[in-house]
């Protein structure tokens, strides 16, 4: 069932994006897969960084180029989640971050949106010629692990980092 579409943010999405950020702040959750929205001082600062980070020539250190999408409901045009596709991996991403990071706002969780978002993001990875996708999650994040497994993820290993254990899953797109 196709309920979502992935859309690149633009300046006209400011209110949707700021409302998304507000919900995460109020719930105390991290806004993963949002191109740094959580720590942005303003929408304009975030949007400028988002634009810069799409291209190899303008990506900000120490990041890698990425495509960050809003997951929008087809029927009501509501922003339910954000998902970030990193075009390549650096050492940190190879161990802990992977190619894809994502989040779903608290009011829209447990509806299957994360699985659909990841499915759509994997189609975008194919367009970027990423044939083997690494996705990671915290060992305690059962929902994320289920989302990855539902999209054909295969657990390779677990990596310890300070107080966290990261599970590393691979999805073959070929």
N, C-alpha and C. Protein backbone atom coordinates (compact mmCIF):
# COMPACT_ATOMS: atom_id res chain seq x y z
N UNK A 1 0.84 -1.18 0.00
CA UNK A 1 0.00 0.00 0.00
C UNK A 1 0.88 1.24 0.00
N UNK A 2 0.75 2.06 -1.01
CA UNK A 2 1.58 3.26 -1.11
C UNK A 2 0.86 4.43 -0.47
N UNK A 3 1.39 4.86 0.68
CA UNK A 3 0.79 5.98 1.41
C UNK A 3 1.68 7.19 1.45
N UNK A 4 2.97 6.98 1.13
CA UNK A 4 3.96 8.05 1.27
C UNK A 4 4.67 8.34 -0.04
N UNK A 5 5.23 9.53 -0.09
CA UNK A 5 6.17 9.89 -1.15
C UNK A 5 7.34 10.59 -0.48
N UNK A 6 8.51 10.46 -1.08
CA UNK A 6 9.70 11.16 -0.58
C UNK A 6 9.88 12.42 -1.41
N UNK A 7 10.06 13.54 -0.70
CA UNK A 7 10.16 14.84 -1.34
C UNK A 7 11.37 15.58 -0.77
N UNK A 8 12.16 16.17 -1.64
CA UNK A 8 13.25 17.01 -1.17
C UNK A 8 12.66 18.29 -0.58
N UNK A 9 13.13 18.70 0.60
CA UNK A 9 12.60 19.93 1.20
C UNK A 9 12.92 21.16 0.35
N UNK A 10 12.05 22.13 0.44
CA UNK A 10 12.31 23.44 -0.17
C UNK A 10 11.87 24.51 0.84
N UNK A 11 12.17 25.74 0.52
CA UNK A 11 11.91 26.82 1.47
C UNK A 11 10.44 26.95 1.84
N UNK A 12 9.54 26.58 0.95
CA UNK A 12 8.11 26.68 1.26
C UNK A 12 7.67 25.66 2.32
N UNK A 13 8.54 24.70 2.64
CA UNK A 13 8.23 23.68 3.64
C UNK A 13 8.62 24.10 5.06
N UNK A 14 9.02 25.33 5.22
CA UNK A 14 9.53 25.82 6.51
C UNK A 14 8.59 25.48 7.67
N UNK A 15 7.31 25.81 7.56
CA UNK A 15 6.38 25.59 8.67
C UNK A 15 6.24 24.10 9.00
N UNK A 16 6.16 23.25 7.98
CA UNK A 16 6.07 21.80 8.20
C UNK A 16 7.30 21.28 8.94
N UNK A 17 8.45 21.75 8.50
CA UNK A 17 9.72 21.27 9.07
C UNK A 17 9.89 21.77 10.51
N UNK A 18 9.56 23.02 10.76
CA UNK A 18 9.67 23.55 12.13
C UNK A 18 8.67 22.87 13.07
N UNK A 19 7.48 22.53 12.57
CA UNK A 19 6.51 21.80 13.38
C UNK A 19 7.02 20.40 13.69
N UNK A 20 7.65 19.77 12.71
CA UNK A 20 8.27 18.45 12.88
C UNK A 20 9.33 18.52 13.99
N UNK A 21 10.19 19.53 13.91
CA UNK A 21 11.23 19.71 14.91
C UNK A 21 10.62 19.94 16.29
N UNK A 22 9.58 20.77 16.37
CA UNK A 22 8.93 21.06 17.64
C UNK A 22 8.43 19.78 18.30
N UNK A 23 7.80 18.91 17.52
CA UNK A 23 7.27 17.66 18.10
C UNK A 23 8.38 16.80 18.69
N UNK A 24 9.52 16.74 18.03
CA UNK A 24 10.65 15.97 18.55
C UNK A 24 11.20 16.60 19.82
N UNK A 25 11.32 17.90 19.84
CA UNK A 25 11.83 18.58 21.04
C UNK A 25 10.89 18.34 22.21
N UNK A 26 9.59 18.46 21.99
CA UNK A 26 8.62 18.26 23.06
C UNK A 26 8.62 16.83 23.58
N UNK A 27 8.87 15.86 22.70
CA UNK A 27 8.87 14.46 23.13
C UNK A 27 10.24 14.01 23.67
N UNK A 28 11.27 14.84 23.47
CA UNK A 28 12.60 14.51 23.95
C UNK A 28 13.33 13.49 23.11
N UNK A 29 12.86 13.27 21.88
CA UNK A 29 13.49 12.31 20.98
C UNK A 29 14.53 12.97 20.10
N UNK A 30 15.46 12.16 19.56
CA UNK A 30 16.43 12.65 18.59
C UNK A 30 15.80 12.65 17.20
N UNK A 31 16.15 13.65 16.41
CA UNK A 31 15.62 13.77 15.04
C UNK A 31 16.65 13.17 14.08
N UNK A 32 16.70 11.86 14.02
CA UNK A 32 17.65 11.20 13.13
C UNK A 32 17.23 11.37 11.68
N UNK A 33 18.21 11.35 10.78
CA UNK A 33 17.93 11.40 9.36
C UNK A 33 17.38 12.72 8.87
N UNK A 34 17.70 13.80 9.57
CA UNK A 34 17.11 15.10 9.22
C UNK A 34 18.15 16.15 8.85
N UNK A 35 19.35 15.72 8.51
CA UNK A 35 20.41 16.65 8.08
C UNK A 35 20.73 17.69 9.13
N UNK A 36 20.72 17.28 10.40
CA UNK A 36 21.11 18.19 11.47
C UNK A 36 20.04 19.15 11.94
N UNK A 37 18.79 18.87 11.65
CA UNK A 37 17.69 19.76 12.04
C UNK A 37 17.65 20.01 13.54
N UNK A 38 17.97 19.00 14.31
CA UNK A 38 17.87 19.11 15.77
C UNK A 38 18.73 20.24 16.32
N UNK A 39 19.91 20.43 15.77
CA UNK A 39 20.85 21.42 16.30
C UNK A 39 20.89 22.72 15.51
N UNK A 40 20.07 22.83 14.48
CA UNK A 40 20.08 24.05 13.66
C UNK A 40 19.51 25.22 14.45
N UNK A 41 20.18 26.36 14.35
CA UNK A 41 19.74 27.57 15.06
C UNK A 41 18.47 28.16 14.44
N UNK A 42 18.32 27.99 13.12
CA UNK A 42 17.15 28.52 12.43
C UNK A 42 16.86 27.64 11.22
N UNK A 43 15.68 27.78 10.68
CA UNK A 43 15.35 27.05 9.46
C UNK A 43 16.30 27.44 8.34
N UNK A 44 16.59 28.73 8.22
CA UNK A 44 17.45 29.21 7.15
C UNK A 44 18.85 28.61 7.23
N UNK A 45 19.41 28.52 8.46
CA UNK A 45 20.72 27.88 8.63
C UNK A 45 20.66 26.41 8.23
N UNK A 46 19.59 25.74 8.67
CA UNK A 46 19.43 24.33 8.34
C UNK A 46 19.31 24.14 6.83
N UNK A 47 18.48 24.95 6.19
CA UNK A 47 18.24 24.79 4.77
C UNK A 47 19.51 25.05 3.95
N UNK A 48 20.28 26.03 4.35
CA UNK A 48 21.55 26.30 3.66
C UNK A 48 22.50 25.11 3.77
N UNK A 49 22.59 24.53 4.97
CA UNK A 49 23.45 23.35 5.16
C UNK A 49 22.92 22.16 4.37
N UNK A 50 21.60 21.97 4.40
CA UNK A 50 20.97 20.90 3.63
C UNK A 50 21.35 21.01 2.15
N UNK A 51 21.25 22.21 1.59
CA UNK A 51 21.60 22.43 0.18
C UNK A 51 23.08 22.16 -0.07
N UNK A 52 23.95 22.67 0.80
CA UNK A 52 25.39 22.46 0.65
C UNK A 52 25.75 20.98 0.68
N UNK A 53 25.10 20.24 1.55
CA UNK A 53 25.49 18.85 1.79
C UNK A 53 24.99 17.87 0.73
N UNK A 54 24.29 18.35 -0.27
CA UNK A 54 23.83 17.47 -1.34
C UNK A 54 24.91 17.16 -2.36
N UNK A 55 25.97 17.98 -2.39
CA UNK A 55 26.99 17.84 -3.44
C UNK A 55 28.37 17.65 -2.85
N UNK A 56 29.15 16.87 -3.54
CA UNK A 56 30.53 16.61 -3.12
C UNK A 56 31.33 17.91 -3.03
N UNK A 57 31.09 18.84 -3.96
CA UNK A 57 31.88 20.08 -4.02
C UNK A 57 31.58 21.03 -2.86
N UNK A 58 30.39 20.92 -2.26
CA UNK A 58 30.01 21.88 -1.22
C UNK A 58 29.70 21.25 0.13
N UNK A 59 29.84 19.93 0.23
CA UNK A 59 29.52 19.25 1.49
C UNK A 59 30.40 19.81 2.62
N UNK A 60 29.81 19.99 3.77
CA UNK A 60 30.51 20.55 4.93
C UNK A 60 31.26 19.47 5.69
N UNK A 61 32.46 19.80 6.08
CA UNK A 61 33.29 18.87 6.87
C UNK A 61 32.63 18.62 8.22
N UNK A 62 32.70 17.45 8.77
CA UNK A 62 33.29 16.19 8.29
C UNK A 62 32.26 15.28 7.63
N UNK A 63 31.23 15.85 7.07
CA UNK A 63 30.12 15.07 6.51
C UNK A 63 30.44 14.54 5.12
N UNK A 64 29.57 13.67 4.63
CA UNK A 64 29.64 13.17 3.26
C UNK A 64 28.39 13.67 2.54
N UNK A 65 28.42 13.72 1.21
CA UNK A 65 27.23 14.16 0.49
C UNK A 65 26.02 13.28 0.82
N UNK A 66 24.87 13.91 0.89
CA UNK A 66 23.67 13.15 1.24
C UNK A 66 22.43 13.79 0.60
N UNK A 67 21.39 12.99 0.52
CA UNK A 67 20.08 13.45 0.07
C UNK A 67 19.11 13.24 1.22
N UNK A 68 18.53 14.31 1.71
CA UNK A 68 17.59 14.23 2.82
C UNK A 68 16.19 14.50 2.29
N UNK A 69 15.30 13.56 2.56
CA UNK A 69 13.93 13.65 2.06
C UNK A 69 12.94 13.78 3.20
N UNK A 70 11.85 14.46 2.91
CA UNK A 70 10.69 14.45 3.79
C UNK A 70 9.79 13.31 3.32
N UNK A 71 9.24 12.56 4.26
CA UNK A 71 8.24 11.54 3.94
C UNK A 71 6.88 12.18 4.16
N UNK A 72 6.17 12.37 3.06
CA UNK A 72 4.91 13.09 3.06
C UNK A 72 3.77 12.13 2.71
N UNK A 73 2.65 12.23 3.45
CA UNK A 73 1.50 11.39 3.10
C UNK A 73 0.93 11.86 1.77
N UNK A 74 0.56 10.92 0.94
CA UNK A 74 0.03 11.24 -0.38
C UNK A 74 -1.33 11.91 -0.26
N UNK A 75 -2.15 11.45 0.67
CA UNK A 75 -3.52 11.97 0.75
C UNK A 75 -3.61 13.36 1.38
N UNK A 76 -2.90 13.59 2.50
CA UNK A 76 -3.06 14.86 3.22
C UNK A 76 -1.84 15.78 3.17
N UNK A 77 -0.78 15.31 2.51
CA UNK A 77 0.45 16.12 2.42
C UNK A 77 1.05 16.43 3.79
N UNK A 78 0.93 15.48 4.73
CA UNK A 78 1.49 15.66 6.08
C UNK A 78 2.91 15.13 6.13
N UNK A 79 3.76 15.82 6.85
CA UNK A 79 5.13 15.38 7.07
C UNK A 79 5.14 14.39 8.23
N UNK A 80 5.41 13.12 7.94
CA UNK A 80 5.41 12.10 8.99
C UNK A 80 6.83 11.69 9.39
N UNK A 81 7.80 11.88 8.49
CA UNK A 81 9.15 11.46 8.81
C UNK A 81 10.17 12.13 7.91
N UNK A 82 11.43 11.90 8.25
CA UNK A 82 12.53 12.37 7.41
C UNK A 82 13.53 11.23 7.28
N UNK A 83 14.17 11.18 6.13
CA UNK A 83 15.13 10.10 5.87
C UNK A 83 16.30 10.66 5.07
N UNK A 84 17.49 10.29 5.48
CA UNK A 84 18.73 10.81 4.92
C UNK A 84 19.51 9.68 4.27
N UNK A 85 19.89 9.86 3.01
CA UNK A 85 20.69 8.86 2.30
C UNK A 85 22.07 9.44 2.08
N UNK A 86 23.07 8.81 2.69
CA UNK A 86 24.46 9.24 2.49
C UNK A 86 24.99 8.57 1.24
N UNK A 87 25.56 9.36 0.35
CA UNK A 87 25.98 8.87 -0.97
C UNK A 87 27.20 7.97 -0.90
N UNK A 88 27.96 8.09 0.15
CA UNK A 88 29.13 7.22 0.36
C UNK A 88 29.37 7.14 1.86
N UNK A 89 30.26 6.25 2.26
CA UNK A 89 30.56 6.06 3.68
C UNK A 89 31.97 6.53 4.01
N UNK A 90 32.13 7.16 5.17
CA UNK A 90 33.45 7.41 5.74
C UNK A 90 33.65 6.37 6.84
N UNK A 91 34.76 6.44 7.57
CA UNK A 91 35.04 5.43 8.58
C UNK A 91 33.96 5.36 9.66
N UNK A 92 33.52 6.53 10.13
CA UNK A 92 32.49 6.54 11.18
C UNK A 92 31.19 5.92 10.68
N UNK A 93 30.75 6.33 9.49
CA UNK A 93 29.50 5.80 8.94
C UNK A 93 29.60 4.30 8.67
N UNK A 94 30.76 3.83 8.28
CA UNK A 94 30.95 2.40 8.03
C UNK A 94 30.71 1.58 9.30
N UNK A 95 31.07 2.14 10.43
CA UNK A 95 30.90 1.41 11.68
C UNK A 95 29.60 1.71 12.40
N UNK A 96 29.16 2.96 12.39
CA UNK A 96 28.06 3.35 13.27
C UNK A 96 26.86 4.01 12.60
N UNK A 97 27.01 4.65 11.45
CA UNK A 97 25.91 5.43 10.90
C UNK A 97 25.23 4.85 9.69
N UNK A 98 26.00 4.19 8.82
CA UNK A 98 25.44 3.59 7.63
C UNK A 98 25.07 4.59 6.54
N UNK A 99 24.44 4.07 5.50
CA UNK A 99 24.00 4.90 4.37
C UNK A 99 22.72 5.66 4.66
N UNK A 100 21.88 5.15 5.56
CA UNK A 100 20.56 5.73 5.75
C UNK A 100 20.27 5.96 7.23
N UNK A 101 19.75 7.14 7.53
CA UNK A 101 19.24 7.45 8.86
C UNK A 101 17.83 7.99 8.69
N UNK A 102 16.96 7.73 9.64
CA UNK A 102 15.58 8.19 9.50
C UNK A 102 14.91 8.37 10.86
N UNK A 103 13.82 9.11 10.83
CA UNK A 103 13.00 9.29 12.02
C UNK A 103 11.55 9.47 11.60
N UNK A 104 10.66 9.08 12.49
CA UNK A 104 9.22 9.28 12.30
C UNK A 104 8.73 10.03 13.53
N UNK A 105 7.94 11.08 13.30
CA UNK A 105 7.44 11.87 14.43
C UNK A 105 6.59 10.98 15.34
N UNK A 106 6.64 11.29 16.63
CA UNK A 106 6.00 10.45 17.64
C UNK A 106 4.52 10.22 17.36
N UNK A 107 3.81 11.24 16.90
CA UNK A 107 2.37 11.12 16.65
C UNK A 107 2.04 10.21 15.47
N UNK A 108 3.06 9.80 14.69
CA UNK A 108 2.83 8.97 13.51
C UNK A 108 3.50 7.60 13.60
N UNK A 109 4.00 7.24 14.76
CA UNK A 109 4.69 5.96 14.91
C UNK A 109 3.70 4.80 15.03
N UNK A 110 4.24 3.61 14.80
CA UNK A 110 3.48 2.36 14.89
C UNK A 110 2.39 2.26 13.82
N UNK A 111 2.61 2.90 12.69
CA UNK A 111 1.67 2.85 11.57
C UNK A 111 2.31 2.25 10.32
N UNK A 112 3.56 1.78 10.44
CA UNK A 112 4.25 1.20 9.29
C UNK A 112 4.94 2.21 8.39
N UNK A 113 4.97 3.47 8.81
CA UNK A 113 5.59 4.49 7.97
C UNK A 113 7.10 4.29 7.81
N UNK A 114 7.78 3.89 8.87
CA UNK A 114 9.23 3.73 8.78
C UNK A 114 9.59 2.68 7.73
N UNK A 115 8.87 1.57 7.70
CA UNK A 115 9.14 0.53 6.70
C UNK A 115 8.93 1.04 5.29
N UNK A 116 7.85 1.80 5.10
CA UNK A 116 7.58 2.34 3.77
C UNK A 116 8.63 3.39 3.38
N UNK A 117 9.03 4.22 4.34
CA UNK A 117 10.07 5.21 4.07
C UNK A 117 11.36 4.53 3.64
N UNK A 118 11.75 3.49 4.37
CA UNK A 118 12.98 2.79 4.05
C UNK A 118 12.88 2.14 2.67
N UNK A 119 11.75 1.53 2.36
CA UNK A 119 11.53 0.94 1.04
C UNK A 119 11.74 1.99 -0.06
N UNK A 120 11.13 3.16 0.12
CA UNK A 120 11.27 4.23 -0.87
C UNK A 120 12.71 4.74 -0.95
N UNK A 121 13.37 4.83 0.19
CA UNK A 121 14.76 5.29 0.21
C UNK A 121 15.68 4.30 -0.51
N UNK A 122 15.39 3.03 -0.40
CA UNK A 122 16.20 2.03 -1.11
C UNK A 122 16.06 2.20 -2.62
N UNK A 123 14.90 2.63 -3.09
CA UNK A 123 14.73 2.94 -4.52
C UNK A 123 15.61 4.13 -4.91
N UNK A 124 15.71 5.10 -4.01
CA UNK A 124 16.60 6.25 -4.25
C UNK A 124 18.06 5.81 -4.27
N UNK A 125 18.42 4.86 -3.41
CA UNK A 125 19.79 4.34 -3.40
C UNK A 125 20.14 3.71 -4.75
N UNK A 126 19.19 3.01 -5.33
CA UNK A 126 19.42 2.42 -6.65
C UNK A 126 19.73 3.51 -7.67
N UNK A 127 19.01 4.63 -7.61
CA UNK A 127 19.26 5.74 -8.53
C UNK A 127 20.65 6.32 -8.34
N UNK A 128 21.17 6.22 -7.10
CA UNK A 128 22.50 6.74 -6.78
C UNK A 128 23.59 5.69 -7.02
N UNK A 129 23.20 4.54 -7.58
CA UNK A 129 24.13 3.42 -7.85
C UNK A 129 24.77 2.86 -6.58
N UNK A 130 24.03 2.89 -5.50
CA UNK A 130 24.48 2.24 -4.26
C UNK A 130 23.84 0.85 -4.29
N UNK A 131 24.65 -0.16 -4.52
CA UNK A 131 24.09 -1.51 -4.70
C UNK A 131 24.02 -2.31 -3.41
N UNK A 132 24.81 -1.92 -2.44
CA UNK A 132 24.81 -2.60 -1.14
C UNK A 132 24.68 -1.50 -0.08
N UNK A 133 23.58 -1.52 0.67
CA UNK A 133 23.25 -0.45 1.59
C UNK A 133 23.46 -0.91 3.03
N UNK A 134 24.22 -0.10 3.77
CA UNK A 134 24.44 -0.36 5.20
C UNK A 134 23.47 0.50 6.01
N UNK A 135 22.74 -0.15 6.90
CA UNK A 135 21.84 0.55 7.80
C UNK A 135 22.14 0.07 9.21
N UNK A 136 22.22 1.02 10.13
CA UNK A 136 22.55 0.68 11.51
C UNK A 136 21.45 1.15 12.45
N UNK A 137 21.42 0.53 13.62
CA UNK A 137 20.51 1.00 14.67
C UNK A 137 21.06 0.59 16.02
N UNK A 138 20.61 1.27 17.03
CA UNK A 138 20.96 0.93 18.40
C UNK A 138 20.36 -0.44 18.71
N UNK A 139 21.13 -1.25 19.40
CA UNK A 139 20.68 -2.60 19.77
C UNK A 139 19.34 -2.56 20.52
N UNK A 140 19.09 -1.48 21.26
CA UNK A 140 17.85 -1.36 22.03
C UNK A 140 16.66 -0.89 21.20
N UNK A 141 16.89 -0.49 19.95
CA UNK A 141 15.82 0.05 19.11
C UNK A 141 15.17 -1.09 18.31
N UNK A 142 14.29 -1.81 18.99
CA UNK A 142 13.64 -2.97 18.39
C UNK A 142 12.82 -2.58 17.16
N UNK A 143 12.12 -1.45 17.22
CA UNK A 143 11.31 -1.00 16.09
C UNK A 143 12.14 -0.77 14.85
N UNK A 144 13.30 -0.14 15.02
CA UNK A 144 14.17 0.11 13.87
C UNK A 144 14.72 -1.20 13.31
N UNK A 145 15.10 -2.10 14.18
CA UNK A 145 15.60 -3.41 13.73
C UNK A 145 14.53 -4.14 12.92
N UNK A 146 13.29 -4.10 13.38
CA UNK A 146 12.19 -4.74 12.65
C UNK A 146 11.99 -4.08 11.29
N UNK A 147 12.10 -2.76 11.24
CA UNK A 147 11.96 -2.02 9.98
C UNK A 147 13.03 -2.46 8.99
N UNK A 148 14.26 -2.58 9.45
CA UNK A 148 15.38 -2.97 8.58
C UNK A 148 15.18 -4.41 8.10
N UNK A 149 14.82 -5.31 9.02
CA UNK A 149 14.60 -6.71 8.65
C UNK A 149 13.46 -6.85 7.65
N UNK A 150 12.41 -6.06 7.81
CA UNK A 150 11.26 -6.09 6.90
C UNK A 150 11.67 -5.70 5.48
N UNK A 151 12.76 -4.92 5.36
CA UNK A 151 13.27 -4.49 4.06
C UNK A 151 14.48 -5.30 3.62
N UNK A 152 14.54 -6.55 4.08
CA UNK A 152 15.56 -7.53 3.66
C UNK A 152 16.94 -7.28 4.25
N UNK A 153 17.01 -6.57 5.37
CA UNK A 153 18.30 -6.36 6.03
C UNK A 153 18.83 -7.65 6.64
N UNK A 154 20.14 -7.82 6.53
CA UNK A 154 20.81 -8.99 7.12
C UNK A 154 21.84 -8.49 8.12
N UNK A 155 21.68 -8.90 9.37
CA UNK A 155 22.59 -8.47 10.43
C UNK A 155 23.98 -9.03 10.17
N UNK A 156 24.97 -8.11 10.09
CA UNK A 156 26.35 -8.55 9.92
C UNK A 156 27.03 -8.71 11.27
N UNK A 157 26.91 -7.68 12.12
CA UNK A 157 27.57 -7.74 13.42
C UNK A 157 27.06 -6.62 14.31
N UNK A 158 27.61 -6.57 15.52
CA UNK A 158 27.33 -5.50 16.46
C UNK A 158 28.65 -4.87 16.87
N UNK A 159 28.64 -3.54 16.96
CA UNK A 159 29.85 -2.80 17.29
C UNK A 159 29.60 -1.95 18.54
N UNK A 160 30.50 -2.08 19.51
CA UNK A 160 30.37 -1.30 20.75
C UNK A 160 31.00 0.07 20.58
N UNK A 161 30.30 1.09 21.10
CA UNK A 161 30.80 2.47 21.10
C UNK A 161 30.36 3.10 22.41
N UNK A 162 31.31 3.33 23.30
CA UNK A 162 31.02 3.89 24.63
C UNK A 162 29.92 3.07 25.30
N UNK A 163 28.74 3.66 25.53
CA UNK A 163 27.67 2.94 26.24
C UNK A 163 26.63 2.34 25.28
N UNK A 164 26.89 2.38 24.01
CA UNK A 164 25.91 1.95 23.00
C UNK A 164 26.46 0.78 22.20
N UNK A 165 25.56 -0.11 21.80
CA UNK A 165 25.92 -1.19 20.88
C UNK A 165 25.13 -0.96 19.60
N UNK A 166 25.86 -0.83 18.49
CA UNK A 166 25.25 -0.57 17.19
C UNK A 166 25.17 -1.87 16.40
N UNK A 167 23.97 -2.16 15.90
CA UNK A 167 23.78 -3.30 15.01
C UNK A 167 23.96 -2.82 13.58
N UNK A 168 24.72 -3.59 12.79
CA UNK A 168 25.01 -3.23 11.39
C UNK A 168 24.34 -4.23 10.46
N UNK A 169 23.43 -3.72 9.64
CA UNK A 169 22.67 -4.54 8.69
C UNK A 169 23.03 -4.13 7.26
N UNK A 170 23.06 -5.11 6.38
CA UNK A 170 23.28 -4.85 4.95
C UNK A 170 22.04 -5.26 4.15
N UNK A 171 21.73 -4.46 3.13
CA UNK A 171 20.66 -4.78 2.20
C UNK A 171 21.25 -4.76 0.80
N UNK A 172 21.18 -5.90 0.10
CA UNK A 172 21.67 -5.97 -1.27
C UNK A 172 20.56 -5.54 -2.22
N UNK A 173 20.87 -4.61 -3.10
CA UNK A 173 19.88 -4.11 -4.06
C UNK A 173 20.06 -4.69 -5.46
N UNK A 174 21.07 -5.50 -5.64
CA UNK A 174 21.34 -6.05 -6.97
C UNK A 174 20.59 -7.36 -7.15
